[in-house]
């Protein structure tokens, strides 16, 4: 157990400082470390943890707490969440203070504008990782693409899309 806590701390401390756009943007790397490198959970369990964290009220980072809990119980959840949030929170505070001082500086504006596509790319990569590790078969890919289209082109709340996907999934299970 202490080894798992140390590994959780190390993994999420590192990811904390690399997660432009929050935990959702770091999801591919979280998945790689949690499923592929350490084998702490399966692809299915990882996707279920992510879905549960998205359905719950609160920030996207809740998935980190659930992963920690799965790996090392309640203490693991606390350790993982602290390791993921503390370094980036301190860095954000320092950067926000500096950003305020240099609000009109061309370099600050360029950095901010440059991070936008990086963040979008990381979030798209997260969606890709979840899709390829969860969807198996044409019907599942169709549901995913339809969900994406609804979310991108309408103002429908994501929980309605998640609920509709759950119903479609249940109907698919009942059909088998």
N, C-alpha and C. Protein backbone atom coordinates (compact mmCIF):
# COMPACT_ATOMS: atom_id res chain seq x y z
N UNK A 1 0.82 -1.21 0.00
CA UNK A 1 0.00 0.00 0.00
C UNK A 1 0.86 1.26 0.00
N UNK A 2 1.91 1.36 0.84
CA UNK A 2 2.73 2.57 0.79
C UNK A 2 3.36 2.78 -0.59
N UNK A 3 3.74 1.69 -1.28
CA UNK A 3 4.31 1.82 -2.61
C UNK A 3 3.29 2.39 -3.58
N UNK A 4 2.05 1.94 -3.48
CA UNK A 4 0.99 2.45 -4.36
C UNK A 4 0.76 3.94 -4.08
N UNK A 5 0.77 4.33 -2.82
CA UNK A 5 0.58 5.75 -2.48
C UNK A 5 1.73 6.60 -3.03
N UNK A 6 2.94 6.08 -2.93
CA UNK A 6 4.09 6.80 -3.47
C UNK A 6 3.97 6.93 -4.98
N UNK A 7 3.60 5.85 -5.66
CA UNK A 7 3.45 5.88 -7.12
C UNK A 7 2.33 6.83 -7.53
N UNK A 8 1.20 6.79 -6.82
CA UNK A 8 0.10 7.72 -7.10
C UNK A 8 0.58 9.16 -6.98
N UNK A 9 1.29 9.43 -5.90
CA UNK A 9 1.80 10.79 -5.67
C UNK A 9 2.73 11.20 -6.81
N UNK A 10 3.66 10.36 -7.15
CA UNK A 10 4.63 10.67 -8.19
C UNK A 10 3.94 10.89 -9.54
N UNK A 11 3.02 10.01 -9.90
CA UNK A 11 2.34 10.12 -11.19
C UNK A 11 1.54 11.41 -11.29
N UNK A 12 0.75 11.71 -10.26
CA UNK A 12 -0.13 12.86 -10.34
C UNK A 12 0.59 14.19 -10.07
N UNK A 13 1.69 14.18 -9.32
CA UNK A 13 2.50 15.40 -9.20
C UNK A 13 3.04 15.79 -10.56
N UNK A 14 3.53 14.82 -11.30
CA UNK A 14 4.07 15.08 -12.63
C UNK A 14 2.97 15.57 -13.57
N UNK A 15 1.85 14.86 -13.58
CA UNK A 15 0.75 15.22 -14.48
C UNK A 15 0.15 16.58 -14.14
N UNK A 16 0.19 16.94 -12.88
CA UNK A 16 -0.37 18.21 -12.45
C UNK A 16 0.25 19.39 -13.19
N UNK A 17 1.53 19.32 -13.39
CA UNK A 17 2.23 20.43 -14.02
C UNK A 17 2.20 20.36 -15.55
N UNK A 18 1.69 19.27 -16.09
CA UNK A 18 1.62 19.11 -17.54
C UNK A 18 0.20 19.20 -18.09
N UNK A 19 -0.77 19.41 -17.23
CA UNK A 19 -2.17 19.31 -17.66
C UNK A 19 -2.76 20.66 -18.04
N UNK A 20 -2.35 21.20 -19.18
CA UNK A 20 -2.98 22.42 -19.70
C UNK A 20 -4.40 22.08 -20.07
N UNK A 21 -5.36 22.75 -19.47
CA UNK A 21 -6.76 22.46 -19.75
C UNK A 21 -7.39 21.55 -18.73
N UNK A 22 -6.68 21.25 -17.66
CA UNK A 22 -7.26 20.46 -16.59
C UNK A 22 -7.07 18.96 -16.78
N UNK A 23 -7.71 18.20 -15.90
CA UNK A 23 -7.56 16.75 -15.91
C UNK A 23 -8.07 16.12 -17.20
N UNK A 24 -9.11 16.70 -17.80
CA UNK A 24 -9.65 16.13 -19.04
C UNK A 24 -8.61 16.19 -20.15
N UNK A 25 -7.80 17.24 -20.17
CA UNK A 25 -6.76 17.35 -21.18
C UNK A 25 -5.61 16.37 -20.93
N UNK A 26 -5.42 15.99 -19.69
CA UNK A 26 -4.35 15.05 -19.34
C UNK A 26 -4.81 13.61 -19.39
N UNK A 27 -6.06 13.39 -19.76
CA UNK A 27 -6.64 12.04 -19.72
C UNK A 27 -5.86 10.99 -20.51
N UNK A 28 -5.36 11.29 -21.72
CA UNK A 28 -4.59 10.25 -22.41
C UNK A 28 -3.37 9.80 -21.61
N UNK A 29 -2.67 10.73 -21.01
CA UNK A 29 -1.50 10.35 -20.23
C UNK A 29 -1.90 9.67 -18.93
N UNK A 30 -2.97 10.12 -18.30
CA UNK A 30 -3.47 9.44 -17.10
C UNK A 30 -3.83 8.01 -17.46
N UNK A 31 -4.54 7.83 -18.58
CA UNK A 31 -4.91 6.48 -19.02
C UNK A 31 -3.68 5.62 -19.24
N UNK A 32 -2.72 6.16 -19.96
CA UNK A 32 -1.50 5.39 -20.25
C UNK A 32 -0.82 4.93 -18.97
N UNK A 33 -0.70 5.83 -18.01
CA UNK A 33 0.00 5.49 -16.77
C UNK A 33 -0.81 4.53 -15.90
N UNK A 34 -2.10 4.77 -15.81
CA UNK A 34 -2.94 3.98 -14.90
C UNK A 34 -3.27 2.60 -15.46
N UNK A 35 -3.54 2.53 -16.76
CA UNK A 35 -3.95 1.25 -17.38
C UNK A 35 -2.75 0.51 -17.96
N UNK A 36 -1.99 1.18 -18.82
CA UNK A 36 -0.92 0.50 -19.55
C UNK A 36 0.36 0.29 -18.73
N UNK A 37 0.80 1.33 -18.03
CA UNK A 37 2.08 1.23 -17.31
C UNK A 37 1.94 0.48 -15.99
N UNK A 38 0.99 0.90 -15.15
CA UNK A 38 0.88 0.30 -13.81
C UNK A 38 -0.14 -0.84 -13.72
N UNK A 39 -1.08 -0.89 -14.66
CA UNK A 39 -2.08 -1.95 -14.62
C UNK A 39 -3.01 -1.87 -13.43
N UNK A 40 -3.24 -0.66 -12.93
CA UNK A 40 -4.08 -0.48 -11.76
C UNK A 40 -5.55 -0.74 -12.07
N UNK A 41 -5.95 -0.61 -13.33
CA UNK A 41 -7.33 -0.89 -13.72
C UNK A 41 -7.37 -1.21 -15.20
N UNK A 42 -8.52 -1.73 -15.63
CA UNK A 42 -8.70 -2.07 -17.04
C UNK A 42 -9.21 -0.85 -17.81
N UNK A 43 -9.22 -0.97 -19.13
CA UNK A 43 -9.78 0.10 -19.97
C UNK A 43 -11.23 0.38 -19.58
N UNK A 44 -11.98 -0.66 -19.36
CA UNK A 44 -13.39 -0.52 -19.01
C UNK A 44 -13.56 0.19 -17.67
N UNK A 45 -12.78 -0.21 -16.68
CA UNK A 45 -12.86 0.44 -15.37
C UNK A 45 -12.47 1.92 -15.46
N UNK A 46 -11.44 2.21 -16.25
CA UNK A 46 -11.01 3.59 -16.42
C UNK A 46 -12.12 4.43 -17.03
N UNK A 47 -12.75 3.91 -18.06
CA UNK A 47 -13.83 4.63 -18.73
C UNK A 47 -15.01 4.82 -17.79
N UNK A 48 -15.31 3.81 -16.98
CA UNK A 48 -16.40 3.93 -16.01
C UNK A 48 -16.09 5.00 -14.97
N UNK A 49 -14.85 5.05 -14.51
CA UNK A 49 -14.45 6.07 -13.54
C UNK A 49 -14.60 7.47 -14.16
N UNK A 50 -14.18 7.60 -15.42
CA UNK A 50 -14.30 8.89 -16.08
C UNK A 50 -15.76 9.28 -16.25
N UNK A 51 -16.60 8.34 -16.67
CA UNK A 51 -18.03 8.63 -16.86
C UNK A 51 -18.67 9.04 -15.53
N UNK A 52 -18.34 8.34 -14.47
CA UNK A 52 -18.88 8.67 -13.15
C UNK A 52 -18.43 10.07 -12.72
N UNK A 53 -17.18 10.40 -12.95
CA UNK A 53 -16.68 11.72 -12.56
C UNK A 53 -17.34 12.83 -13.37
N UNK A 54 -17.70 12.55 -14.61
CA UNK A 54 -18.35 13.56 -15.44
C UNK A 54 -19.82 13.74 -15.06
N UNK A 55 -20.45 12.67 -14.60
CA UNK A 55 -21.86 12.75 -14.21
C UNK A 55 -22.04 13.43 -12.85
N UNK A 56 -21.02 13.34 -12.02
CA UNK A 56 -21.09 13.94 -10.68
C UNK A 56 -20.90 15.46 -10.79
N UNK A 57 -21.57 16.20 -9.91
CA UNK A 57 -21.32 17.65 -9.92
C UNK A 57 -19.90 17.94 -9.45
N UNK A 58 -19.28 18.90 -10.07
CA UNK A 58 -17.94 19.27 -9.68
C UNK A 58 -17.00 19.29 -10.87
N UNK A 59 -15.73 19.50 -10.59
CA UNK A 59 -14.75 19.65 -11.67
C UNK A 59 -14.36 18.31 -12.31
N UNK A 60 -13.76 18.40 -13.50
CA UNK A 60 -13.32 17.20 -14.22
C UNK A 60 -12.27 16.41 -13.45
N UNK A 61 -11.57 17.05 -12.56
CA UNK A 61 -10.47 16.41 -11.84
C UNK A 61 -10.97 15.32 -10.88
N UNK A 62 -12.26 15.19 -10.69
CA UNK A 62 -12.78 14.15 -9.81
C UNK A 62 -12.35 12.75 -10.25
N UNK A 63 -12.08 12.57 -11.53
CA UNK A 63 -11.62 11.27 -12.02
C UNK A 63 -10.33 10.85 -11.31
N UNK A 64 -9.49 11.80 -10.98
CA UNK A 64 -8.22 11.52 -10.30
C UNK A 64 -8.49 10.94 -8.91
N UNK A 65 -9.45 11.52 -8.22
CA UNK A 65 -9.81 11.03 -6.89
C UNK A 65 -10.34 9.59 -6.97
N UNK A 66 -11.17 9.33 -7.97
CA UNK A 66 -11.72 7.97 -8.14
C UNK A 66 -10.62 6.97 -8.47
N UNK A 67 -9.66 7.38 -9.28
CA UNK A 67 -8.54 6.49 -9.60
C UNK A 67 -7.73 6.19 -8.34
N UNK A 68 -7.43 7.22 -7.57
CA UNK A 68 -6.70 7.02 -6.31
C UNK A 68 -7.45 6.11 -5.37
N UNK A 69 -8.76 6.30 -5.29
CA UNK A 69 -9.59 5.45 -4.42
C UNK A 69 -9.54 4.00 -4.88
N UNK A 70 -9.60 3.77 -6.19
CA UNK A 70 -9.56 2.41 -6.74
C UNK A 70 -8.22 1.74 -6.43
N UNK A 71 -7.14 2.53 -6.50
CA UNK A 71 -5.80 1.98 -6.30
C UNK A 71 -5.48 1.75 -4.83
N UNK A 72 -5.83 2.70 -3.96
CA UNK A 72 -5.37 2.61 -2.57
C UNK A 72 -6.42 3.08 -1.56
N UNK A 73 -7.68 2.94 -1.88
CA UNK A 73 -8.72 3.28 -0.92
C UNK A 73 -8.89 4.79 -0.73
N UNK A 74 -9.53 5.15 0.36
CA UNK A 74 -9.83 6.56 0.64
C UNK A 74 -8.55 7.40 0.70
N UNK A 75 -7.53 6.89 1.36
CA UNK A 75 -6.26 7.61 1.44
C UNK A 75 -5.67 7.81 0.04
N UNK A 76 -5.81 6.83 -0.82
CA UNK A 76 -5.33 6.95 -2.20
C UNK A 76 -6.06 8.06 -2.94
N UNK A 77 -7.36 8.17 -2.71
CA UNK A 77 -8.14 9.25 -3.33
C UNK A 77 -7.67 10.61 -2.87
N UNK A 78 -7.42 10.74 -1.59
CA UNK A 78 -6.95 12.02 -1.03
C UNK A 78 -5.55 12.35 -1.57
N UNK A 79 -4.67 11.36 -1.57
CA UNK A 79 -3.30 11.57 -2.04
C UNK A 79 -3.30 11.95 -3.53
N UNK A 80 -4.04 11.22 -4.35
CA UNK A 80 -4.07 11.48 -5.79
C UNK A 80 -4.62 12.88 -6.07
N UNK A 81 -5.71 13.23 -5.40
CA UNK A 81 -6.32 14.54 -5.64
C UNK A 81 -5.39 15.67 -5.18
N UNK A 82 -4.75 15.50 -4.04
CA UNK A 82 -3.81 16.51 -3.55
C UNK A 82 -2.62 16.65 -4.49
N UNK A 83 -2.08 15.52 -4.93
CA UNK A 83 -0.93 15.56 -5.83
C UNK A 83 -1.28 16.18 -7.18
N UNK A 84 -2.51 16.00 -7.63
CA UNK A 84 -2.92 16.56 -8.92
C UNK A 84 -3.25 18.05 -8.80
N UNK A 85 -3.80 18.46 -7.68
CA UNK A 85 -4.28 19.85 -7.55
C UNK A 85 -3.27 20.82 -6.96
N UNK A 86 -2.48 20.39 -5.98
CA UNK A 86 -1.62 21.34 -5.27
C UNK A 86 -0.57 22.01 -6.15
N UNK A 87 0.25 21.27 -6.89
CA UNK A 87 1.28 21.96 -7.68
C UNK A 87 0.70 22.89 -8.74
N UNK A 88 -0.32 22.45 -9.44
CA UNK A 88 -0.90 23.30 -10.49
C UNK A 88 -1.60 24.51 -9.89
N UNK A 89 -2.16 24.38 -8.70
CA UNK A 89 -2.80 25.51 -8.05
C UNK A 89 -1.78 26.57 -7.67
N UNK A 90 -0.66 26.15 -7.12
CA UNK A 90 0.40 27.09 -6.76
C UNK A 90 0.95 27.75 -8.02
N UNK A 91 1.21 26.96 -9.06
CA UNK A 91 1.72 27.51 -10.31
C UNK A 91 0.72 28.49 -10.93
N UNK A 92 -0.56 28.17 -10.88
CA UNK A 92 -1.60 29.05 -11.42
C UNK A 92 -1.61 30.37 -10.67
N UNK A 93 -1.47 30.32 -9.37
CA UNK A 93 -1.45 31.54 -8.57
C UNK A 93 -0.28 32.43 -8.98
N UNK A 94 0.89 31.84 -9.10
CA UNK A 94 2.09 32.60 -9.47
C UNK A 94 1.95 33.17 -10.88
N UNK A 95 1.48 32.36 -11.82
CA UNK A 95 1.33 32.81 -13.20
C UNK A 95 0.25 33.88 -13.30
N UNK A 96 -0.84 33.73 -12.58
CA UNK A 96 -1.91 34.74 -12.61
C UNK A 96 -1.40 36.08 -12.10
N UNK A 97 -0.59 36.04 -11.05
CA UNK A 97 -0.02 37.28 -10.52
C UNK A 97 0.89 37.94 -11.56
N UNK A 98 1.74 37.14 -12.20
CA UNK A 98 2.64 37.67 -13.23
C UNK A 98 1.85 38.13 -14.45
N UNK A 99 0.83 37.39 -14.80
CA UNK A 99 0.01 37.74 -15.96
C UNK A 99 -0.70 39.06 -15.75
N UNK A 100 -1.14 39.29 -14.54
CA UNK A 100 -1.80 40.55 -14.21
C UNK A 100 -0.83 41.73 -14.37
N UNK A 101 0.40 41.53 -13.94
CA UNK A 101 1.41 42.60 -14.04
C UNK A 101 1.77 42.90 -15.50
N UNK A 102 1.72 41.88 -16.34
CA UNK A 102 2.12 42.05 -17.74
C UNK A 102 0.94 41.85 -18.70
N UNK A 103 -0.21 42.36 -18.30
CA UNK A 103 -1.46 42.14 -19.03
C UNK A 103 -1.34 42.46 -20.53
N UNK A 104 -0.69 43.54 -20.87
CA UNK A 104 -0.60 43.99 -22.27
C UNK A 104 0.69 43.57 -22.97
N UNK A 105 1.55 42.85 -22.30
CA UNK A 105 2.82 42.46 -22.91
C UNK A 105 2.60 41.52 -24.09
N UNK A 106 3.23 41.76 -25.21
CA UNK A 106 3.04 40.92 -26.40
C UNK A 106 3.39 39.45 -26.15
N UNK A 107 4.42 39.19 -25.36
CA UNK A 107 4.81 37.80 -25.08
C UNK A 107 3.72 37.07 -24.32
N UNK A 108 3.12 37.71 -23.32
CA UNK A 108 2.03 37.08 -22.56
C UNK A 108 0.86 36.77 -23.46
N UNK A 109 0.49 37.71 -24.31
CA UNK A 109 -0.62 37.50 -25.24
C UNK A 109 -0.31 36.36 -26.20
N UNK A 110 0.92 36.31 -26.70
CA UNK A 110 1.32 35.24 -27.63
C UNK A 110 1.29 33.87 -26.94
N UNK A 111 1.77 33.80 -25.71
CA UNK A 111 1.75 32.54 -24.98
C UNK A 111 0.31 32.09 -24.75
N UNK A 112 -0.53 33.00 -24.32
CA UNK A 112 -1.93 32.65 -24.08
C UNK A 112 -2.60 32.17 -25.36
N UNK A 113 -2.39 32.87 -26.45
CA UNK A 113 -2.98 32.46 -27.73
C UNK A 113 -2.41 31.14 -28.22
N UNK A 114 -1.14 30.89 -27.95
CA UNK A 114 -0.52 29.64 -28.35
C UNK A 114 -0.99 28.44 -27.56
N UNK A 115 -1.40 28.66 -26.32
CA UNK A 115 -1.87 27.54 -25.49
C UNK A 115 -3.29 27.10 -25.83
N UNK A 116 -4.04 27.94 -26.50
CA UNK A 116 -5.43 27.56 -26.85
C UNK A 116 -5.45 26.32 -27.74
N UNK A 117 -4.73 26.29 -28.87
CA UNK A 117 -4.79 25.08 -29.69
C UNK A 117 -4.17 23.86 -29.01
N UNK A 118 -3.18 24.08 -28.15
CA UNK A 118 -2.59 22.96 -27.40
C UNK A 118 -3.66 22.34 -26.50
N UNK A 119 -4.40 23.17 -25.79
CA UNK A 119 -5.45 22.69 -24.90
C UNK A 119 -6.54 21.96 -25.68
N UNK A 120 -6.98 22.54 -26.78
CA UNK A 120 -8.01 21.89 -27.60
C UNK A 120 -7.50 20.54 -28.11
N UNK A 121 -6.26 20.50 -28.56
CA UNK A 121 -5.69 19.24 -29.04
C UNK A 121 -5.63 18.18 -27.95
N UNK A 122 -5.26 18.58 -26.74
CA UNK A 122 -5.20 17.62 -25.64
C UNK A 122 -6.59 17.09 -25.29
N UNK A 123 -7.59 17.93 -25.35
CA UNK A 123 -8.95 17.48 -25.05
C UNK A 123 -9.47 16.55 -26.15
N UNK A 124 -9.16 16.86 -27.41
CA UNK A 124 -9.53 15.97 -28.51
C UNK A 124 -8.82 14.62 -28.34
N UNK A 125 -7.56 14.64 -27.94
CA UNK A 125 -6.84 13.39 -27.70
C UNK A 125 -7.49 12.58 -26.58
N UNK A 126 -8.02 13.27 -25.58
CA UNK A 126 -8.72 12.58 -24.49
C UNK A 126 -9.95 11.85 -25.03
N UNK A 127 -10.71 12.54 -25.86
CA UNK A 127 -11.88 11.91 -26.47
C UNK A 127 -11.50 10.70 -27.31
N UNK A 128 -10.40 10.82 -28.04
CA UNK A 128 -9.92 9.71 -28.87
C UNK A 128 -9.57 8.50 -28.00
N UNK A 129 -8.82 8.74 -26.92
CA UNK A 129 -8.42 7.64 -26.03
C UNK A 129 -9.64 6.95 -25.45
N UNK A 130 -10.62 7.72 -25.00
CA UNK A 130 -11.82 7.12 -24.43
C UNK A 130 -12.58 6.32 -25.50
N UNK A 131 -12.64 6.84 -26.71
CA UNK A 131 -13.37 6.16 -27.78
C UNK A 131 -12.72 4.84 -28.16
N UNK A 132 -11.43 4.85 -28.43
CA UNK A 132 -10.80 3.62 -28.89
C UNK A 132 -10.67 2.57 -27.79
N UNK A 133 -10.68 2.98 -26.54
CA UNK A 133 -10.56 2.01 -25.46
C UNK A 133 -11.91 1.54 -24.94
N UNK A 134 -12.98 2.13 -25.42
CA UNK A 134 -14.30 1.75 -24.94
C UNK A 134 -15.17 1.19 -26.05
N UNK A 135 -15.24 1.88 -27.16
CA UNK A 135 -16.14 1.50 -28.24
C UNK A 135 -15.59 0.29 -28.99
N UNK A 136 -16.46 -0.71 -29.11
CA UNK A 136 -16.09 -1.91 -29.85
C UNK A 136 -17.24 -2.24 -30.78
N UNK A 137 -17.07 -1.92 -32.03
CA UNK A 137 -18.11 -2.22 -33.01
C UNK A 137 -18.71 -0.95 -33.58
N UNK A 138 -19.29 -1.12 -34.75
CA UNK A 138 -19.87 0.00 -35.49
C UNK A 138 -20.97 0.72 -34.70
N UNK A 139 -21.92 0.02 -34.07
CA UNK A 139 -22.97 0.75 -33.35
C UNK A 139 -22.42 1.68 -32.26
N UNK A 140 -21.41 1.23 -31.55
CA UNK A 140 -20.84 2.07 -30.48
C UNK A 140 -20.15 3.30 -31.07
N UNK A 141 -19.46 3.13 -32.18
CA UNK A 141 -18.82 4.28 -32.83
C UNK A 141 -19.86 5.25 -33.35
N UNK A 142 -20.98 4.75 -33.87
CA UNK A 142 -22.05 5.62 -34.36
C UNK A 142 -22.63 6.44 -33.21
N UNK A 143 -22.88 5.80 -32.08
CA UNK A 143 -23.41 6.52 -30.91
C UNK A 143 -22.43 7.59 -30.47
N UNK A 144 -21.15 7.27 -30.46
CA UNK A 144 -20.13 8.25 -30.06
C UNK A 144 -20.11 9.44 -31.02
N UNK A 145 -20.13 9.16 -32.33
CA UNK A 145 -20.11 10.25 -33.31
C UNK A 145 -21.38 11.10 -33.25
N UNK A 146 -22.53 10.46 -33.04
CA UNK A 146 -23.78 11.22 -32.89
C UNK A 146 -23.73 12.10 -31.64
N UNK A 147 -23.20 11.55 -30.56
CA UNK A 147 -23.07 12.33 -29.32
C UNK A 147 -22.16 13.53 -29.53
N UNK A 148 -21.06 13.30 -30.22
CA UNK A 148 -20.13 14.39 -30.51
C UNK A 148 -20.81 15.47 -31.35
N UNK A 149 -21.57 15.05 -32.36
CA UNK A 149 -22.26 16.02 -33.22
C UNK A 149 -23.27 16.84 -32.42
N UNK A 150 -24.03 16.18 -31.56
CA UNK A 150 -25.02 16.90 -30.74
C UNK A 150 -24.31 17.91 -29.83
N UNK A 151 -23.21 17.50 -29.21
CA UNK A 151 -22.50 18.39 -28.30
C UNK A 151 -21.84 19.57 -29.02
N UNK A 152 -21.35 19.33 -30.22
CA UNK A 152 -20.65 20.39 -30.96
C UNK A 152 -21.63 21.36 -31.61
N UNK A 153 -22.73 20.84 -32.16
CA UNK A 153 -23.60 21.68 -32.99
C UNK A 153 -24.89 22.15 -32.31
N UNK A 154 -25.12 21.74 -31.07
CA UNK A 154 -26.32 22.20 -30.37
C UNK A 154 -25.92 22.71 -28.99
N UNK A 155 -26.89 23.20 -28.27
CA UNK A 155 -26.65 23.68 -26.91
C UNK A 155 -27.26 22.72 -25.89
N UNK A 156 -27.43 21.46 -26.28
CA UNK A 156 -27.97 20.44 -25.38
C UNK A 156 -26.97 20.20 -24.26
N UNK A 157 -27.47 20.12 -23.03
CA UNK A 157 -26.60 19.88 -21.88
C UNK A 157 -25.95 18.49 -21.99
N UNK A 158 -24.65 18.39 -21.69
CA UNK A 158 -23.95 17.10 -21.82
C UNK A 158 -24.57 15.96 -21.00
N UNK A 159 -25.20 16.26 -19.87
CA UNK A 159 -25.81 15.18 -19.09
C UNK A 159 -26.97 14.52 -19.83
N UNK A 160 -27.70 15.29 -20.65
CA UNK A 160 -28.77 14.69 -21.46
C UNK A 160 -28.16 13.74 -22.49
N UNK A 161 -27.05 14.13 -23.07
CA UNK A 161 -26.38 13.28 -24.05
C UNK A 161 -25.84 12.03 -23.37
N UNK A 162 -25.26 12.19 -22.19
CA UNK A 162 -24.76 11.05 -21.43
C UNK A 162 -25.90 10.09 -21.08
N UNK A 163 -27.03 10.65 -20.63
CA UNK A 163 -28.19 9.82 -20.31
C UNK A 163 -28.73 9.08 -21.53
N UNK A 164 -28.80 9.78 -22.66
CA UNK A 164 -29.28 9.14 -23.89
C UNK A 164 -28.34 8.02 -24.31
N UNK A 165 -27.03 8.26 -24.19
CA UNK A 165 -26.06 7.21 -24.51
C UNK A 165 -26.20 6.01 -23.60
N UNK A 166 -26.48 6.26 -22.32
CA UNK A 166 -26.71 5.16 -21.38
C UNK A 166 -27.93 4.34 -21.75
N UNK A 167 -29.01 5.02 -22.15
CA UNK A 167 -30.23 4.32 -22.55
C UNK A 167 -29.97 3.48 -23.80
N UNK A 168 -29.28 4.07 -24.78
CA UNK A 168 -28.96 3.33 -26.01
C UNK A 168 -28.10 2.11 -25.66
N UNK A 169 -27.14 2.28 -24.76
CA UNK A 169 -26.30 1.17 -24.33
C UNK A 169 -27.09 0.07 -23.65
N UNK A 170 -28.04 0.46 -22.78
CA UNK A 170 -28.88 -0.55 -22.12
C UNK A 170 -29.74 -1.29 -23.13
N UNK A 171 -30.31 -0.56 -24.08
CA UNK A 171 -31.12 -1.20 -25.12
C UNK A 171 -30.26 -2.18 -25.93
N UNK A 172 -29.02 -1.80 -26.19
CA UNK A 172 -28.12 -2.70 -26.90
C UNK A 172 -27.82 -3.95 -26.12
N UNK A 173 -27.66 -3.82 -24.80
CA UNK A 173 -27.42 -5.00 -23.96
C UNK A 173 -28.65 -5.89 -23.90
N UNK A 174 -29.84 -5.27 -23.83
CA UNK A 174 -31.06 -6.05 -23.78
C UNK A 174 -31.32 -6.79 -25.08
N UNK A 175 -30.85 -6.23 -26.20
CA UNK A 175 -31.06 -6.86 -27.50
C UNK A 175 -30.21 -8.12 -27.65
N UNK A 176 -29.13 -8.21 -26.88
CA UNK A 176 -28.25 -9.37 -27.00
C UNK A 176 -28.75 -10.49 -26.19
